[in-house]
Amino acid sequence: MRQITIVADDKVGVLADISFILGKAKINIESLSAEVQGGKAMINISVKDEKKATRLLSANNYKVLQSEILIVKVKDEPGELSKISKILSEGGVNIESLYLLARSSGFTLDAINVDKPKKAALLLKGYLVKGE
C-alpha cells in the first residue's frame, strides 16, 4: 500500500483544505495521521488512488511525498509491538513511522513505513495483511 505524506506550514485550516480537495474529487481517505514539528504539519494519508491524490494536492501547492507502507495484523496484547520491532531491528530495517489503523477482535492493524520495504515484507511475512 502507498502512503502520501503532505508537508505544509502549520496553520489553521490545512487539514480542512486537504480533505476538501480530496473530497471534492471523490477520493476517500482510508487512514490518516498528523503531527506538527518545527512549524511544519506532516499529514500521512492512504487512499486508493494515490497518483490522482498526489496530482491534485501538488496542483494546489502542497509538497507531497509518496512511500510504501506495510499493513500488519498483530495480536492486541502487551509486548506484541516489541516482537515486530525486534524482528525489523535484527534484520537491519529502520521504522520511519508506525500508526494504528484499527483494533478489533483481539487484533490490531498497523501501518508501518520503513527504510527497506521489500526486506521488511520478507521479515514480517507472517504478519502481513494480504491484498493491501
C-alpha atoms as a PDB file:
ATOM      1  CA  MET A   1       0.000   0.000   0.000  1.00  0.00           C
ATOM      2  CA  ARG A   2       1.222   3.508  -0.714  1.00  0.00           C
ATOM      3  CA  GLN A   3       1.250   6.342   1.791  1.00  0.00           C
ATOM      4  CA  ILE A   4       1.163  10.008   0.909  1.00  0.00           C
ATOM      5  CA  THR A   5       2.871  12.471   3.226  1.00  0.00           C
ATOM      6  CA  ILE A   6       1.879  16.107   2.859  1.00  0.00           C
ATOM      7  CA  VAL A   7       4.299  18.631   4.330  1.00  0.00           C
ATOM      8  CA  ALA A   8       2.809  22.090   4.873  1.00  0.00           C
ATOM      9  CA  ASP A   9       3.263  25.119   7.080  1.00  0.00           C
ATOM     10  CA  ASP A  10       1.440  24.616  10.357  1.00  0.00           C
ATOM     11  CA  LYS A  11      -1.584  26.900  10.129  1.00  0.00           C
ATOM     12  CA  VAL A  12      -5.262  26.771  10.899  1.00  0.00           C
ATOM     13  CA  GLY A  13      -7.306  25.051   8.185  1.00  0.00           C
ATOM     14  CA  VAL A  14      -4.623  22.934   6.477  1.00  0.00           C
ATOM     15  CA  LEU A  15      -6.374  19.626   7.148  1.00  0.00           C
ATOM     16  CA  ALA A  16      -9.737  21.175   6.214  1.00  0.00           C
ATOM     17  CA  ASP A  17      -8.305  22.310   2.888  1.00  0.00           C
ATOM     18  CA  ILE A  18      -6.646  18.979   2.106  1.00  0.00           C
ATOM     19  CA  SER A  19      -9.749  16.967   2.978  1.00  0.00           C
ATOM     20  CA  PHE A  20     -11.913  19.357   0.910  1.00  0.00           C
ATOM     21  CA  ILE A  21      -9.655  18.945  -2.152  1.00  0.00           C
ATOM     22  CA  LEU A  22      -9.750  15.167  -1.871  1.00  0.00           C
ATOM     23  CA  GLY A  23     -13.460  15.009  -1.050  1.00  0.00           C
ATOM     24  CA  LYS A  24     -14.409  17.196  -4.000  1.00  0.00           C
ATOM     25  CA  ALA A  25     -12.531  14.734  -6.247  1.00  0.00           C
ATOM     26  CA  LYS A  26     -14.369  11.791  -4.572  1.00  0.00           C
ATOM     27  CA  ILE A  27     -11.129  10.450  -3.077  1.00  0.00           C
ATOM     28  CA  ASN A  28     -11.784   8.770   0.257  1.00  0.00           C
ATOM     29  CA  ILE A  29      -9.100   8.922   2.961  1.00  0.00           C
ATOM     30  CA  GLU A  30      -8.591   5.375   4.256  1.00  0.00           C
ATOM     31  CA  SER A  31      -6.116   6.195   7.018  1.00  0.00           C
ATOM     32  CA  LEU A  32      -4.711   9.399   8.435  1.00  0.00           C
ATOM     33  CA  SER A  33      -2.188  10.578  10.967  1.00  0.00           C
ATOM     34  CA  ALA A  34      -0.946  14.107  11.515  1.00  0.00           C
ATOM     35  CA  GLU A  35       1.652  15.834  13.630  1.00  0.00           C
ATOM     36  CA  VAL A  36       3.399  19.159  13.875  1.00  0.00           C
ATOM     37  CA  GLN A  37       7.165  19.606  14.261  1.00  0.00           C
ATOM     38  CA  GLY A  38       9.161  22.780  13.937  1.00  0.00           C
ATOM     39  CA  GLY A  39       6.280  24.784  12.475  1.00  0.00           C
ATOM     40  CA  LYS A  40       5.542  22.152   9.812  1.00  0.00           C
ATOM     41  CA  ALA A  41       2.481  19.928   9.623  1.00  0.00           C
ATOM     42  CA  MET A  42       3.130  16.394   8.408  1.00  0.00           C
ATOM     43  CA  ILE A  43      -0.038  14.633   7.346  1.00  0.00           C
ATOM     44  CA  ASN A  44       0.164  10.960   6.393  1.00  0.00           C
ATOM     45  CA  ILE A  45      -2.756   9.530   4.446  1.00  0.00           C
ATOM     46  CA  SER A  46      -3.527   6.428   2.455  1.00  0.00           C
ATOM     47  CA  VAL A  47      -6.033   6.451  -0.383  1.00  0.00           C
ATOM     48  CA  LYS A  48      -6.856   4.000  -3.180  1.00  0.00           C
ATOM     49  CA  ASP A  49      -5.713   6.321  -5.983  1.00  0.00           C
ATOM     50  CA  GLU A  50      -2.551   7.909  -4.604  1.00  0.00           C
ATOM     51  CA  LYS A  51      -1.438   9.130  -8.032  1.00  0.00           C
ATOM     52  CA  LYS A  52      -4.613  11.184  -8.506  1.00  0.00           C
ATOM     53  CA  ALA A  53      -4.431  12.462  -4.928  1.00  0.00           C
ATOM     54  CA  THR A  54      -0.776  13.424  -5.373  1.00  0.00           C
ATOM     55  CA  ARG A  55      -1.542  15.295  -8.614  1.00  0.00           C
ATOM     56  CA  LEU A  56      -4.440  17.194  -7.029  1.00  0.00           C
ATOM     57  CA  LEU A  57      -2.562  18.151  -3.889  1.00  0.00           C
ATOM     58  CA  SER A  58       0.555  19.149  -5.842  1.00  0.00           C
ATOM     59  CA  ALA A  59      -1.585  21.279  -8.165  1.00  0.00           C
ATOM     60  CA  ASN A  60      -2.838  23.048  -5.020  1.00  0.00           C
ATOM     61  CA  ASN A  61       0.735  23.883  -3.952  1.00  0.00           C
ATOM     62  CA  TYR A  62       1.196  21.154  -1.352  1.00  0.00           C
ATOM     63  CA  LYS A  63       4.516  19.336  -1.045  1.00  0.00           C
ATOM     64  CA  VAL A  64       3.641  15.653  -1.414  1.00  0.00           C
ATOM     65  CA  LEU A  65       5.881  12.631  -0.827  1.00  0.00           C
ATOM     66  CA  GLN A  66       4.972   9.008  -1.516  1.00  0.00           C
ATOM     67  CA  SER A  67       6.247   5.923   0.263  1.00  0.00           C
ATOM     68  CA  GLU A  68       5.400   2.274   0.598  1.00  0.00           C
ATOM     69  CA  ILE A  69       3.730   1.134   3.814  1.00  0.00           C
ATOM     70  CA  LEU A  70       3.174  -2.352   5.133  1.00  0.00           C
ATOM     71  CA  ILE A  71      -0.059  -3.317   6.859  1.00  0.00           C
ATOM     72  CA  VAL A  72       0.436  -5.882   9.612  1.00  0.00           C
ATOM     73  CA  LYS A  73      -2.049  -7.750  11.787  1.00  0.00           C
ATOM     74  CA  VAL A  74      -0.805  -8.119  15.345  1.00  0.00           C
ATOM     75  CA  LYS A  75      -2.344  -9.650  18.477  1.00  0.00           C
ATOM     76  CA  ASP A  76      -3.725  -6.904  20.690  1.00  0.00           C
ATOM     77  CA  GLU A  77      -1.619  -7.918  23.688  1.00  0.00           C
ATOM     78  CA  PRO A  78       1.242  -6.360  25.656  1.00  0.00           C
ATOM     79  CA  GLY A  79       4.627  -6.985  24.045  1.00  0.00           C
ATOM     80  CA  GLU A  80       3.419  -7.748  20.514  1.00  0.00           C
ATOM     81  CA  LEU A  81       4.741  -4.468  19.086  1.00  0.00           C
ATOM     82  CA  SER A  82       8.076  -5.320  20.675  1.00  0.00           C
ATOM     83  CA  LYS A  83       8.189  -8.569  18.676  1.00  0.00           C
ATOM     84  CA  ILE A  84       7.624  -6.745  15.377  1.00  0.00           C
ATOM     85  CA  SER A  85      10.143  -4.035  16.250  1.00  0.00           C
ATOM     86  CA  LYS A  86      12.770  -6.596  17.243  1.00  0.00           C
ATOM     87  CA  ILE A  87      12.327  -8.594  14.021  1.00  0.00           C
ATOM     88  CA  LEU A  88      12.868  -5.445  11.975  1.00  0.00           C
ATOM     89  CA  SER A  89      15.752  -4.207  14.122  1.00  0.00           C
ATOM     90  CA  GLU A  90      17.617  -7.508  13.954  1.00  0.00           C
ATOM     91  CA  GLY A  91      17.068  -7.501  10.187  1.00  0.00           C
ATOM     92  CA  GLY A  92      18.633  -4.051   9.851  1.00  0.00           C
ATOM     93  CA  VAL A  93      15.348  -2.347   8.929  1.00  0.00           C
ATOM     94  CA  ASN A  94      14.587   1.095  10.370  1.00  0.00           C
ATOM     95  CA  ILE A  95      10.988   2.024  11.233  1.00  0.00           C
ATOM     96  CA  GLU A  96      10.291   5.543   9.948  1.00  0.00           C
ATOM     97  CA  SER A  97       6.680   5.741  11.119  1.00  0.00           C
ATOM     98  CA  LEU A  98       4.047   3.463  12.578  1.00  0.00           C
ATOM     99  CA  TYR A  99       0.414   4.056  13.380  1.00  0.00           C
ATOM    100  CA  LEU A 100      -2.617   2.092  14.453  1.00  0.00           C
ATOM    101  CA  LEU A 101      -5.261   1.734  11.744  1.00  0.00           C
ATOM    102  CA  ALA A 102      -7.842  -0.408  13.539  1.00  0.00           C
ATOM    103  CA  ARG A 103      -8.437  -2.518  16.620  1.00  0.00           C
ATOM    104  CA  SER A 104     -10.903  -5.418  16.584  1.00  0.00           C
ATOM    105  CA  SER A 105     -11.449  -8.992  17.779  1.00  0.00           C
ATOM    106  CA  GLY A 106      -8.188  -9.233  19.709  1.00  0.00           C
ATOM    107  CA  PHE A 107      -6.006  -7.868  16.903  1.00  0.00           C
ATOM    108  CA  THR A 108      -4.714  -4.534  15.648  1.00  0.00           C
ATOM    109  CA  LEU A 109      -3.964  -3.452  12.106  1.00  0.00           C
ATOM    110  CA  ASP A 110      -0.877  -1.264  11.994  1.00  0.00           C
ATOM    111  CA  ALA A 111       0.682   0.716   9.150  1.00  0.00           C
ATOM    112  CA  ILE A 112       4.473   0.623   9.136  1.00  0.00           C
ATOM    113  CA  ASN A 113       6.712   2.801   6.972  1.00  0.00           C
ATOM    114  CA  VAL A 114      10.293   1.504   6.833  1.00  0.00           C
ATOM    115  CA  ASP A 115      13.514   2.316   5.016  1.00  0.00           C
ATOM    116  CA  LYS A 116      13.677  -1.129   3.343  1.00  0.00           C
ATOM    117  CA  PRO A 117      10.097  -2.195   2.481  1.00  0.00           C
ATOM    118  CA  LYS A 118      10.993  -5.325   0.477  1.00  0.00           C
ATOM    119  CA  LYS A 119      13.247  -6.671   3.206  1.00  0.00           C
ATOM    120  CA  ALA A 120      10.678  -5.792   5.879  1.00  0.00           C
ATOM    121  CA  ALA A 121       7.956  -7.609   3.915  1.00  0.00           C
ATOM    122  CA  LEU A 122      10.081 -10.762   3.927  1.00  0.00           C
ATOM    123  CA  LEU A 123      10.864 -10.456   7.621  1.00  0.00           C
ATOM    124  CA  LEU A 124       7.220  -9.833   8.563  1.00  0.00           C
ATOM    125  CA  LYS A 125       5.580 -12.218   6.093  1.00  0.00           C
ATOM    126  CA  GLY A 126       3.620 -13.971   8.874  1.00  0.00           C
ATOM    127  CA  TYR A 127       2.114 -10.666   9.991  1.00  0.00           C
ATOM    128  CA  LEU A 128       1.384  -9.011   6.632  1.00  0.00           C
ATOM    129  CA  VAL A 129      -2.189  -8.366   5.576  1.00  0.00           C
ATOM    130  CA  LYS A 130      -2.624  -9.549   2.002  1.00  0.00           C
ATOM    131  CA  GLY A 131      -4.395  -7.524  -0.669  1.00  0.00           C
ATOM    132  CA  GLU A 132      -3.369  -4.112   0.615  1.00  0.00           C
END
